[in-house]
Amino acid sequence: MSGFPGDLSDSQREKLAKFKDNLKDVLKPDHDDVLLLKFLRARRFDLKKSEKMFRKTLEWRAENKIDTILDWFKVPEVFNTYWCGGVCGLDKEGHVIFVTPIGNIDPKGVLFSAKASDILRTYTYFLEYQLLKHREYSKKAGRYVEGSLMIFDLENMGVHHLWKPGLDLFIKAAALAEQHYPELIHRLYVIKAPKIFPVTYSLIKPFLREDTRKKIHVLGSNWKEVIMKQIDPDQLPAYWGGSMTDPDGDPKCPSIIKQGGKIPKSFYLKDREPPHTLTTHEVSRGGVIEFKYEVKHPDSVMRYEFQTDLHDIKFGVDRVDDKGKRTPIMQLEKYNSHMVPESGEIMINEPGNYIARFDNSSWTKTKKLSYWLELLEPSDVEPEFQELAEGVDDIKLDDD
């Protein structure tokens, strides 16, 4: 049996009754069978794990005033325009359709324009809004509308989306949804996935339950055909294969689907910098520091950040063949990293040996370098689901 209301086995009905009895000290009138079964399904009807998850969620909601967040929280101005996603209708099975052109999101702009706590509050606000739409559609349909059919459009996604502070916050948001919004996803379609998607997904997968991962479908060039088997045209914007448009004819329907985009620096908070953990090294006069990497998988990504005190420095990356010949994939160039910290990502298409190089061409000055380098490779092995670590599964929306 599926574990949904009206489709329970005898064992599942018994566990639901026991679940209610175990939680009788905290249950409220709005904690109906539909909600309780979400937590049971999320932990495969393991009563102990389901109860722990439910109680933690109640505590989290109380501590962060989630029940009333749609009333009291004011979404930062920047996100009224530059957030991504929205609800547009129902699929043929009655699930809410949520579309997000997530490839348009500007990770650095997001983190430079708001505190991490307000970013997570905004994310939670829109999760609650999505559940509000579930309730509104349920009322219209005369039955409970449960779970969302989600479409993640990765058009415009590039290596800049692997910027570590931004990706770390995205993972934290995904963990928050997994822990406190069980069974929100009915099915998730990923479309227009770029070459870096396997790297990105391998970083996020450990924080997703196995059951959640099974709901994710990465579609190829026939994505419109697949999606439209699930959705009537008048329930989806024309840009994604339906027939909906805004009154002005815009096929992306930005009035209901937030489009994201590059955030102007006018929104940046003064002196707002995300935290970084950097290693510091003194580069002697005329000295060089090199880091060697063996890349085993095509379409890997090298991420880097560095800054210097008082003086500039040169940085570049070479591919090294079996004879030791170097071919630049990122030309050795001088960076004024004492004025503006440098960060970026490099797509590495071919396996082989690579060297990242910091070069102090000055013969008169020793330079203090703070740096961080990381090689990300697509995973060949499906990681086991990890119960989220202490401090991750109890995410609070505290001020920084």
Protein backbone atom coordinates (compact mmCIF):
# COMPACT_ATOMS: atom_id res chain seq x y z
CA MET A 1 0.00 0.00 0.00
CA SER A 2 1.16 3.55 -0.73
CA GLY A 3 0.88 4.97 2.79
CA PHE A 4 -1.36 7.79 1.59
CA PRO A 5 -4.81 8.48 3.12
CA GLY A 6 -7.29 5.87 1.92
CA ASP A 7 -4.53 3.50 0.82
CA LEU A 8 -3.14 2.06 4.05
CA SER A 9 -2.33 -1.52 4.91
CA ASP A 10 -3.45 -2.96 8.26
CA SER A 11 0.09 -2.49 9.57
CA GLN A 12 0.21 1.12 8.40
CA ARG A 13 -3.14 1.89 10.04
CA GLU A 14 -1.89 0.41 13.30
CA LYS A 15 1.29 2.48 13.14
CA LEU A 16 -0.68 5.64 12.41
CA ALA A 17 -2.83 5.01 15.49
CA LYS A 18 0.27 4.34 17.59
CA PHE A 19 1.95 7.45 16.16
CA LYS A 20 -1.01 9.58 17.26
CA ASP A 21 -0.93 8.04 20.73
CA ASN A 22 2.81 8.68 21.08
CA LEU A 23 2.31 12.33 20.09
CA LYS A 24 -0.89 13.05 22.01
CA ASP A 25 0.94 15.55 24.25
CA VAL A 26 1.74 17.83 21.28
CA LEU A 27 -0.95 17.14 18.68
CA LYS A 28 -3.19 20.03 17.59
CA PRO A 29 -6.46 19.99 15.62
CA ASP A 30 -4.67 20.84 12.36
CA HIS A 31 -2.32 17.86 12.75
CA ASP A 32 -4.53 15.63 10.63
CA ASP A 33 -3.84 12.19 9.17
CA VAL A 34 -2.59 13.73 5.93
CA LEU A 35 0.18 15.58 7.78
CA LEU A 36 1.08 12.72 10.11
CA LEU A 37 1.32 10.26 7.24
CA LYS A 38 3.86 12.54 5.53
CA PHE A 39 6.20 12.12 8.49
CA LEU A 40 5.58 8.39 8.64
CA ARG A 41 6.29 7.94 4.93
CA ALA A 42 9.39 10.13 5.21
CA ARG A 43 10.81 7.66 7.73
CA ARG A 44 9.28 4.56 6.15
CA PHE A 45 6.82 4.09 9.00
CA ASP A 46 9.60 3.78 11.57
CA LEU A 47 7.73 5.09 14.62
CA LYS A 48 10.79 6.16 16.59
CA LYS A 49 12.38 8.09 13.70
CA SER A 50 9.06 9.59 12.63
CA GLU A 51 8.31 10.82 16.13
CA LYS A 52 11.77 12.36 16.48
CA MET A 53 11.35 14.14 13.14
CA PHE A 54 7.86 15.41 14.02
CA ARG A 55 8.86 16.73 17.45
CA LYS A 56 11.95 18.43 16.06
CA THR A 57 9.82 20.09 13.39
CA LEU A 58 7.33 21.36 15.99
CA GLU A 59 10.19 22.80 18.03
CA TRP A 60 11.75 24.40 14.95
CA ARG A 61 8.45 25.93 13.86
CA ALA A 62 7.81 27.34 17.34
CA GLU A 63 11.32 28.75 17.75
CA ASN A 64 11.20 30.45 14.35
CA LYS A 65 7.50 31.46 14.37
CA ILE A 66 6.92 29.55 11.14
CA ASP A 67 3.16 29.18 11.59
CA THR A 68 2.74 32.93 11.10
CA ILE A 69 5.74 33.70 8.85
CA LEU A 70 3.48 34.67 5.93
CA ASP A 71 2.05 37.42 8.15
CA TRP A 72 5.08 38.86 9.90
CA PHE A 73 8.08 38.29 7.63
CA LYS A 74 8.80 40.91 5.01
CA VAL A 75 10.71 39.42 2.08
CA PRO A 76 13.81 41.59 1.42
CA GLU A 77 13.21 43.92 -1.51
CA VAL A 78 15.95 42.31 -3.58
CA PHE A 79 14.19 38.92 -3.49
CA ASN A 80 10.83 40.29 -4.59
CA THR A 81 12.52 40.65 -7.97
CA TYR A 82 15.50 38.29 -8.01
CA TRP A 83 14.21 35.13 -6.31
CA CYS A 84 13.38 32.14 -8.54
CA GLY A 85 10.22 30.10 -8.89
CA GLY A 86 6.49 30.04 -8.39
CA VAL A 87 3.28 28.01 -8.52
CA CYS A 88 1.31 28.03 -11.78
CA GLY A 89 -1.40 25.34 -11.61
CA LEU A 90 -2.17 21.64 -11.12
CA ASP A 91 -0.95 18.60 -13.02
CA LYS A 92 -3.33 15.95 -14.35
CA GLU A 93 -3.15 14.02 -11.07
CA GLY A 94 -3.95 17.10 -9.01
CA HIS A 95 -0.47 17.98 -7.74
CA VAL A 96 0.58 21.62 -7.50
CA ILE A 97 3.02 22.62 -10.27
CA PHE A 98 6.07 24.55 -9.09
CA VAL A 99 8.46 25.91 -11.73
CA THR A 100 11.82 27.47 -10.94
CA PRO A 101 14.32 28.78 -13.54
CA ILE A 102 17.04 28.07 -11.01
CA GLY A 103 19.82 28.51 -13.57
CA ASN A 104 19.06 32.25 -13.42
CA ILE A 105 19.89 32.61 -9.74
CA ASP A 106 22.90 34.79 -8.87
CA PRO A 107 24.67 33.07 -5.93
CA LYS A 108 27.09 35.88 -5.13
CA GLY A 109 24.43 38.53 -5.53
CA VAL A 110 22.11 36.66 -3.18
CA LEU A 111 24.73 36.29 -0.45
CA PHE A 112 26.05 39.83 -0.81
CA SER A 113 22.53 41.31 -0.65
CA ALA A 114 21.13 39.70 2.50
CA LYS A 115 22.15 37.99 5.71
CA ALA A 116 22.18 34.20 5.55
CA SER A 117 19.39 34.09 8.13
CA ASP A 118 17.15 36.29 5.96
CA ILE A 119 17.93 34.17 2.89
CA LEU A 120 16.80 31.05 4.76
CA ARG A 121 13.75 32.90 6.08
CA THR A 122 12.88 33.91 2.52
CA TYR A 123 13.27 30.31 1.39
CA THR A 124 11.04 29.16 4.25
CA TYR A 125 8.52 31.90 3.44
CA PHE A 126 8.14 30.59 -0.11
CA LEU A 127 7.92 26.98 1.12
CA GLU A 128 5.04 28.05 3.36
CA TYR A 129 3.49 29.92 0.43
CA GLN A 130 3.68 26.74 -1.62
CA LEU A 131 1.85 24.86 1.14
CA LEU A 132 -0.72 27.66 1.26
CA LYS A 133 -1.38 27.06 -2.46
CA HIS A 134 -1.79 23.36 -1.67
CA ARG A 135 -4.53 24.28 0.82
CA GLU A 136 -6.21 26.71 -1.58
CA TYR A 137 -6.30 24.14 -4.39
CA SER A 138 -7.51 21.49 -1.93
CA LYS A 139 -10.44 23.69 -0.98
CA LYS A 140 -11.36 24.25 -4.63
CA ALA A 141 -11.00 20.57 -5.52
CA GLY A 142 -12.85 19.30 -2.46
CA ARG A 143 -10.00 16.93 -1.66
CA TYR A 144 -6.49 17.25 -0.29
CA VAL A 145 -3.90 18.33 -2.88
CA GLU A 146 -0.66 16.78 -1.72
CA GLY A 147 2.88 17.19 -3.01
CA SER A 148 4.24 19.28 -5.86
CA LEU A 149 5.34 18.44 -9.35
CA MET A 150 8.49 20.53 -9.61
CA ILE A 151 10.32 21.65 -12.73
CA PHE A 152 13.90 22.88 -12.23
CA ASP A 153 15.11 24.69 -15.35
CA LEU A 154 18.93 24.75 -15.36
CA GLU A 155 19.29 26.94 -18.44
CA ASN A 156 22.10 29.47 -17.83
CA MET A 157 23.64 27.39 -15.02
CA GLY A 158 27.42 27.70 -15.12
CA VAL A 159 30.50 27.04 -13.04
CA HIS A 160 29.79 30.22 -11.06
CA HIS A 161 26.95 28.31 -9.40
CA LEU A 162 29.60 26.14 -7.73
CA TRP A 163 30.89 29.12 -5.73
CA LYS A 164 31.37 27.47 -2.34
CA PRO A 165 29.56 29.89 0.02
CA GLY A 166 26.53 29.94 -2.26
CA LEU A 167 26.47 26.17 -2.73
CA ASP A 168 26.90 25.62 1.02
CA LEU A 169 23.83 27.76 1.68
CA PHE A 170 21.86 25.92 -1.03
CA ILE A 171 22.73 22.60 0.65
CA LYS A 172 21.61 23.99 3.99
CA ALA A 173 18.30 25.03 2.42
CA ALA A 174 17.86 21.56 0.90
CA ALA A 175 18.55 19.99 4.30
CA LEU A 176 15.99 22.30 5.91
CA ALA A 177 13.32 21.18 3.44
CA GLU A 178 14.19 17.50 3.93
CA GLN A 179 13.93 17.74 7.70
CA HIS A 180 10.86 19.94 8.12
CA TYR A 181 8.82 19.64 4.91
CA PRO A 182 8.51 15.89 4.30
CA GLU A 183 6.89 14.66 1.10
CA LEU A 184 6.75 18.17 -0.39
CA ILE A 185 8.00 16.73 -3.69
CA HIS A 186 5.74 14.44 -5.67
CA ARG A 187 8.04 14.43 -8.70
CA LEU A 188 10.94 16.69 -9.71
CA TYR A 189 11.95 17.17 -13.34
CA VAL A 190 15.38 18.64 -14.12
CA ILE A 191 15.59 20.15 -17.61
CA LYS A 192 18.39 21.68 -19.69
CA ALA A 193 21.05 20.23 -17.40
CA PRO A 194 24.56 21.51 -18.29
CA LYS A 195 27.82 19.59 -18.11
CA ILE A 196 28.46 20.69 -14.53
CA PHE A 197 25.19 19.19 -13.30
CA PRO A 198 26.73 15.80 -12.29
CA VAL A 199 29.26 17.64 -10.11
CA THR A 200 26.59 19.83 -8.54
CA TYR A 201 24.26 16.92 -7.91
CA SER A 202 26.99 14.75 -6.36
CA LEU A 203 27.55 17.48 -3.75
CA ILE A 204 23.86 17.74 -2.89
CA LYS A 205 22.85 14.04 -3.03
CA PRO A 206 24.23 13.07 0.41
CA PHE A 207 21.75 15.48 2.00
CA LEU A 208 18.75 14.04 0.21
CA ARG A 209 16.86 10.98 1.37
CA GLU A 210 16.94 7.99 -0.94
CA ASP A 211 13.17 8.31 -1.46
CA THR A 212 13.64 11.94 -2.48
CA ARG A 213 16.39 11.08 -4.96
CA LYS A 214 14.11 8.52 -6.60
CA LYS A 215 11.64 11.33 -7.35
CA ILE A 216 14.23 13.30 -9.35
CA HIS A 217 14.20 12.76 -13.12
CA VAL A 218 16.83 14.41 -15.32
CA LEU A 219 15.27 14.84 -18.75
CA GLY A 220 16.93 15.08 -22.16
CA SER A 221 16.04 17.01 -25.28
CA ASN A 222 12.49 15.57 -25.28
CA TRP A 223 11.72 17.19 -21.92
CA LYS A 224 8.66 19.07 -23.18
CA GLU A 225 7.08 15.87 -24.46
CA VAL A 226 7.65 14.14 -21.11
CA ILE A 227 6.37 17.04 -19.03
CA MET A 228 3.27 17.65 -21.12
CA LYS A 229 2.13 14.07 -20.57
CA GLN A 230 1.65 15.09 -16.94
CA ILE A 231 0.24 18.61 -17.40
CA ASP A 232 -2.58 20.21 -19.37
CA PRO A 233 -1.30 23.14 -21.49
CA ASP A 234 -3.40 25.77 -19.70
CA GLN A 235 -1.68 24.91 -16.41
CA LEU A 236 1.91 25.71 -17.50
CA PRO A 237 3.64 28.78 -18.98
CA ALA A 238 4.25 28.61 -22.73
CA TYR A 239 8.01 28.87 -22.24
CA TRP A 240 7.99 25.42 -20.65
CA GLY A 241 5.63 23.80 -23.13
CA GLY A 242 2.19 24.94 -21.99
CA SER A 243 -0.07 27.70 -23.26
CA MET A 244 -0.14 30.17 -20.38
CA THR A 245 1.16 33.70 -20.90
CA ASP A 246 1.05 36.91 -18.92
CA PRO A 247 -1.46 39.56 -20.08
CA ASP A 248 1.35 41.24 -22.04
CA GLY A 249 2.08 37.95 -23.84
CA ASP A 250 5.25 37.05 -21.92
CA PRO A 251 5.58 33.22 -22.26
CA LYS A 252 7.59 32.94 -19.00
CA CYS A 253 4.75 34.37 -16.89
CA PRO A 254 6.97 36.45 -14.59
CA SER A 255 3.85 37.65 -12.76
CA ILE A 256 3.66 34.22 -11.07
CA ILE A 257 7.07 32.63 -11.78
CA LYS A 258 9.92 34.71 -10.35
CA GLN A 259 12.70 34.73 -12.94
CA GLY A 260 15.82 35.52 -10.89
CA GLY A 261 18.70 37.22 -12.70
CA LYS A 262 21.89 39.13 -12.02
CA ILE A 263 21.48 41.21 -8.87
CA PRO A 264 22.66 44.84 -9.24
CA LYS A 265 25.39 45.86 -6.79
CA SER A 266 23.10 48.63 -5.57
CA PHE A 267 21.39 45.91 -3.49
CA TYR A 268 24.62 44.73 -1.86
CA LEU A 269 24.84 45.24 1.89
CA LYS A 270 27.74 47.43 2.98
CA ASP A 271 30.81 45.36 3.92
CA ARG A 272 28.80 42.16 3.47
CA GLU A 273 31.15 39.23 2.87
CA PRO A 274 30.37 35.54 3.42
CA PRO A 275 32.75 33.66 5.72
CA HIS A 276 35.73 31.96 4.16
CA THR A 277 38.26 29.51 5.53
CA LEU A 278 41.59 30.22 3.85
CA THR A 279 45.10 28.87 4.31
CA THR A 280 47.84 31.49 4.67
CA HIS A 281 51.32 31.16 3.18
CA GLU A 282 54.28 33.48 2.72
CA VAL A 283 55.45 33.47 -0.91
CA SER A 284 59.14 34.39 -0.96
CA ARG A 285 60.67 36.90 -3.36
CA GLY A 286 60.60 35.36 -6.82
CA GLY A 287 58.93 32.29 -5.31
CA VAL A 288 56.27 29.96 -6.66
CA ILE A 289 53.67 27.74 -4.94
CA GLU A 290 52.22 24.89 -6.97
CA PHE A 291 49.40 22.46 -6.28
CA LYS A 292 49.17 19.24 -8.30
CA TYR A 293 45.89 17.48 -9.09
CA GLU A 294 45.11 14.22 -10.83
CA VAL A 295 41.73 14.59 -12.54
CA LYS A 296 40.12 11.20 -13.19
CA HIS A 297 36.76 12.29 -14.60
CA PRO A 298 35.83 14.57 -17.49
CA ASP A 299 33.67 17.61 -16.74
CA SER A 300 35.27 18.17 -13.34
CA VAL A 301 35.53 21.59 -11.74
CA MET A 302 38.32 23.35 -9.87
CA ARG A 303 37.20 26.06 -7.46
CA TYR A 304 39.56 28.72 -6.13
CA GLU A 305 39.67 31.74 -3.87
CA PHE A 306 42.65 33.85 -2.88
CA GLN A 307 43.67 37.22 -1.56
CA THR A 308 46.95 38.90 -0.67
CA ASP A 309 48.09 41.57 1.76
CA LEU A 310 49.46 44.79 0.23
CA HIS A 311 50.63 43.38 -3.10
CA ASP A 312 49.36 41.63 -6.25
CA ILE A 313 50.19 38.06 -7.30
CA LYS A 314 50.01 35.89 -10.42
CA PHE A 315 47.75 32.83 -10.69
CA GLY A 316 47.15 30.24 -13.41
CA VAL A 317 46.35 26.58 -14.09
CA ASP A 318 48.15 24.24 -16.53
CA ARG A 319 47.48 20.77 -17.89
CA VAL A 320 50.61 18.59 -17.81
CA ASP A 321 51.12 15.75 -20.31
CA ASP A 322 53.13 12.55 -19.79
CA LYS A 323 56.31 14.29 -20.97
CA GLY A 324 55.90 17.16 -18.53
CA LYS A 325 54.81 19.68 -21.15
CA ARG A 326 52.45 22.30 -19.76
CA THR A 327 49.44 23.70 -21.58
CA PRO A 328 47.60 26.57 -19.89
CA ILE A 329 43.87 26.12 -19.33
CA MET A 330 43.87 29.36 -17.33
CA GLN A 331 46.64 31.72 -18.35
CA LEU A 332 49.06 32.86 -15.64
CA GLU A 333 48.01 36.45 -15.02
CA LYS A 334 48.54 39.15 -12.42
CA TYR A 335 45.64 39.78 -10.02
CA ASN A 336 45.23 42.78 -7.73
CA SER A 337 44.00 40.45 -5.01
CA HIS A 338 45.23 42.85 -2.32
CA MET A 339 42.46 45.22 -3.46
CA VAL A 340 39.67 42.74 -4.37
CA PRO A 341 39.67 39.05 -3.31
CA GLU A 342 39.64 36.73 -6.31
CA SER A 343 37.39 33.67 -6.67
CA GLY A 344 36.16 31.53 -9.51
CA GLU A 345 35.69 28.12 -11.06
CA ILE A 346 37.36 26.35 -13.97
CA MET A 347 35.71 23.61 -16.02
CA ILE A 348 38.13 20.75 -16.71
CA ASN A 349 36.95 18.71 -19.67
CA GLU A 350 39.74 16.13 -19.92
CA PRO A 351 41.16 13.74 -17.32
CA GLY A 352 44.86 14.15 -16.64
CA ASN A 353 47.35 15.96 -14.43
CA TYR A 354 46.92 19.63 -13.62
CA ILE A 355 48.91 22.23 -11.68
CA ALA A 356 47.52 25.36 -10.04
CA ARG A 357 50.28 27.96 -9.66
CA PHE A 358 50.78 31.11 -7.57
CA ASP A 359 53.75 33.13 -8.77
CA ASN A 360 55.45 36.00 -6.93
CA SER A 361 57.43 37.63 -9.71
CA SER A 362 58.72 40.35 -7.40
CA TRP A 363 62.38 40.01 -6.45
CA THR A 364 62.03 42.63 -3.71
CA LYS A 365 58.86 41.72 -1.77
CA THR A 366 57.66 38.65 0.08
CA LYS A 367 53.89 38.36 -0.31
CA LYS A 368 51.36 37.03 2.19
CA LEU A 369 48.87 34.82 0.35
CA SER A 370 45.60 33.43 1.72
CA TYR A 371 44.07 30.78 -0.54
CA TRP A 372 41.56 27.96 -0.91
CA LEU A 373 41.51 25.39 -3.73
CA GLU A 374 39.20 22.43 -4.31
CA LEU A 375 38.74 19.87 -7.08
CA LEU A 376 35.19 18.63 -7.64
CA GLU A 377 34.64 15.50 -9.70
CA PRO A 378 31.38 13.77 -10.71
CA SER A 379 30.77 10.78 -8.48
CA ASP A 380 30.65 7.32 -10.01
CA VAL A 381 29.09 5.87 -6.86
CA GLU A 382 25.65 6.68 -5.50
CA PRO A 383 26.37 7.80 -1.92
CA GLU A 384 24.42 6.26 0.90
CA PHE A 385 21.85 8.55 2.49
CA GLN A 386 23.40 10.29 5.49
CA GLU A 387 21.30 11.13 8.50
CA LEU A 388 22.02 14.84 8.64
CA ALA A 389 24.82 15.77 11.01
CA GLU A 390 24.26 17.49 14.33
CA GLY A 391 23.66 21.17 13.67
CA VAL A 392 22.40 20.55 10.15
CA ASP A 393 19.15 18.75 10.91
CA ASP A 394 18.24 21.37 13.53
CA ILE A 395 18.49 24.46 11.36
CA LYS A 396 17.49 27.69 13.04
CA LEU A 397 16.84 30.96 11.32
CA ASP A 398 18.81 33.04 13.80
CA ASP A 399 20.36 36.35 12.91
CA ASP A 400 24.04 36.23 11.91
